[in-house]
Amino acid sequence: MESVMPDNVHSIKNFKDSKKLKLYVEHLTVILRVVNLSIKGLDHFQIYLPVHAIITTMKEQKTILDAHLNKYKAILHERGVK
């Protein structure tokens, strides 16, 4: 089924989506930097079980954030956005 929207409308939508994705990539990069610093800062206190649990949770969530970041970067790369 063909789209009824003209190409320029798709271009505008892709531009807005790309702009939003670039913002997500920037935010996720900063968030991951903060999470990495937090993990490194707490690493010395891993001998305490509650702190160890926090670090483990942070590492698990960091993995999820990394996956999202890579997905958004791949979409931007496909669209040729720098």
C-alpha atoms as a PDB file:
ATOM      1  CA  MET A   1       0.000   0.000   0.000  1.00  0.00           C
ATOM      2  CA  GLU A   2       1.459   3.330  -1.048  1.00  0.00           C
ATOM      3  CA  SER A   3       1.605   6.287   1.231  1.00  0.00           C
ATOM      4  CA  VAL A   4      -0.668   9.206   0.418  1.00  0.00           C
ATOM      5  CA  MET A   5       1.717  11.731   1.977  1.00  0.00           C
ATOM      6  CA  PRO A   6       4.045  13.620  -0.320  1.00  0.00           C
ATOM      7  CA  ASP A   7       7.791  13.060   0.075  1.00  0.00           C
ATOM      8  CA  ASN A   8       8.412  16.442   1.666  1.00  0.00           C
ATOM      9  CA  VAL A   9       6.064  15.556   4.548  1.00  0.00           C
ATOM     10  CA  HIS A  10       8.074  12.383   5.155  1.00  0.00           C
ATOM     11  CA  SER A  11      11.260  14.428   5.071  1.00  0.00           C
ATOM     12  CA  ILE A  12       9.907  16.832   7.669  1.00  0.00           C
ATOM     13  CA  LYS A  13       8.761  13.964   9.902  1.00  0.00           C
ATOM     14  CA  ASN A  14      12.128  12.198   9.546  1.00  0.00           C
ATOM     15  CA  PHE A  15      13.910  15.454  10.341  1.00  0.00           C
ATOM     16  CA  LYS A  16      11.875  15.943  13.523  1.00  0.00           C
ATOM     17  CA  ASP A  17      12.357  12.293  14.497  1.00  0.00           C
ATOM     18  CA  SER A  18      16.079  12.531  13.792  1.00  0.00           C
ATOM     19  CA  LYS A  19      16.336  15.694  15.854  1.00  0.00           C
ATOM     20  CA  LYS A  20      14.562  13.963  18.741  1.00  0.00           C
ATOM     21  CA  LEU A  21      16.770  10.876  18.416  1.00  0.00           C
ATOM     22  CA  LYS A  22      19.904  13.039  18.470  1.00  0.00           C
ATOM     23  CA  LEU A  23      18.672  14.569  21.708  1.00  0.00           C
ATOM     24  CA  TYR A  24      18.029  11.084  23.149  1.00  0.00           C
ATOM     25  CA  VAL A  25      21.544  10.021  22.164  1.00  0.00           C
ATOM     26  CA  GLU A  26      23.042  13.081  23.842  1.00  0.00           C
ATOM     27  CA  HIS A  27      21.014  12.535  27.020  1.00  0.00           C
ATOM     28  CA  LEU A  28      21.752   8.822  27.190  1.00  0.00           C
ATOM     29  CA  THR A  29      25.457   9.491  26.721  1.00  0.00           C
ATOM     30  CA  VAL A  30      25.473  11.886  29.676  1.00  0.00           C
ATOM     31  CA  ILE A  31      23.366   9.538  31.801  1.00  0.00           C
ATOM     32  CA  LEU A  32      25.698   6.625  31.078  1.00  0.00           C
ATOM     33  CA  ARG A  33      28.690   8.773  32.003  1.00  0.00           C
ATOM     34  CA  VAL A  34      27.084   9.563  35.377  1.00  0.00           C
ATOM     35  CA  VAL A  35      26.170   5.911  35.963  1.00  0.00           C
ATOM     36  CA  ASN A  36      29.729   4.800  35.143  1.00  0.00           C
ATOM     37  CA  LEU A  37      31.196   7.362  37.540  1.00  0.00           C
ATOM     38  CA  SER A  38      28.749   6.290  40.250  1.00  0.00           C
ATOM     39  CA  ILE A  39      29.640   2.636  39.832  1.00  0.00           C
ATOM     40  CA  LYS A  40      33.355   3.434  39.979  1.00  0.00           C
ATOM     41  CA  GLY A  41      32.853   5.627  43.035  1.00  0.00           C
ATOM     42  CA  LEU A  42      30.913   2.969  44.910  1.00  0.00           C
ATOM     43  CA  ASP A  43      33.187   0.102  43.860  1.00  0.00           C
ATOM     44  CA  HIS A  44      35.404   0.569  46.921  1.00  0.00           C
ATOM     45  CA  PHE A  45      32.398  -0.008  49.208  1.00  0.00           C
ATOM     46  CA  GLN A  46      31.295  -3.232  47.531  1.00  0.00           C
ATOM     47  CA  ILE A  47      32.083  -5.173  50.686  1.00  0.00           C
ATOM     48  CA  TYR A  48      28.788  -3.937  52.133  1.00  0.00           C
ATOM     49  CA  LEU A  49      25.909  -6.037  50.840  1.00  0.00           C
ATOM     50  CA  PRO A  50      23.419  -3.185  50.301  1.00  0.00           C
ATOM     51  CA  VAL A  51      26.027  -1.243  48.302  1.00  0.00           C
ATOM     52  CA  HIS A  52      26.885  -4.376  46.327  1.00  0.00           C
ATOM     53  CA  ALA A  53      23.179  -4.784  45.486  1.00  0.00           C
ATOM     54  CA  ILE A  54      22.993  -1.167  44.322  1.00  0.00           C
ATOM     55  CA  ILE A  55      26.054  -1.602  42.098  1.00  0.00           C
ATOM     56  CA  THR A  56      24.639  -4.804  40.617  1.00  0.00           C
ATOM     57  CA  THR A  57      21.343  -3.080  39.819  1.00  0.00           C
ATOM     58  CA  MET A  58      23.139  -0.106  38.300  1.00  0.00           C
ATOM     59  CA  LYS A  59      25.206  -2.401  36.061  1.00  0.00           C
ATOM     60  CA  GLU A  60      22.081  -4.234  34.892  1.00  0.00           C
ATOM     61  CA  GLN A  61      20.279  -0.986  34.088  1.00  0.00           C
ATOM     62  CA  LYS A  62      23.405   0.389  32.409  1.00  0.00           C
ATOM     63  CA  THR A  63      23.299  -2.569  30.022  1.00  0.00           C
ATOM     64  CA  ILE A  64      19.725  -1.679  29.064  1.00  0.00           C
ATOM     65  CA  LEU A  65      20.653   1.983  28.550  1.00  0.00           C
ATOM     66  CA  ASP A  66      23.600   0.917  26.385  1.00  0.00           C
ATOM     67  CA  ALA A  67      21.271  -1.156  24.211  1.00  0.00           C
ATOM     68  CA  HIS A  68      18.919   1.797  23.727  1.00  0.00           C
ATOM     69  CA  LEU A  69      21.820   4.120  22.956  1.00  0.00           C
ATOM     70  CA  ASN A  70      23.190   1.728  20.345  1.00  0.00           C
ATOM     71  CA  LYS A  71      19.740   1.331  18.791  1.00  0.00           C
ATOM     72  CA  TYR A  72      19.237   5.082  18.482  1.00  0.00           C
ATOM     73  CA  LYS A  73      22.757   5.565  17.103  1.00  0.00           C
ATOM     74  CA  ALA A  74      22.117   2.856  14.491  1.00  0.00           C
ATOM     75  CA  ILE A  75      18.871   4.535  13.396  1.00  0.00           C
ATOM     76  CA  LEU A  76      20.646   7.884  13.057  1.00  0.00           C
ATOM     77  CA  HIS A  77      23.462   6.232  11.118  1.00  0.00           C
ATOM     78  CA  GLU A  78      20.952   4.628   8.740  1.00  0.00           C
ATOM     79  CA  ARG A  79      19.417   8.040   8.107  1.00  0.00           C
ATOM     80  CA  GLY A  80      22.841   9.558   7.530  1.00  0.00           C
ATOM     81  CA  VAL A  81      22.555  11.979  10.446  1.00  0.00           C
ATOM     82  CA  LYS A  82      25.784  12.976  12.173  1.00  0.00           C
END
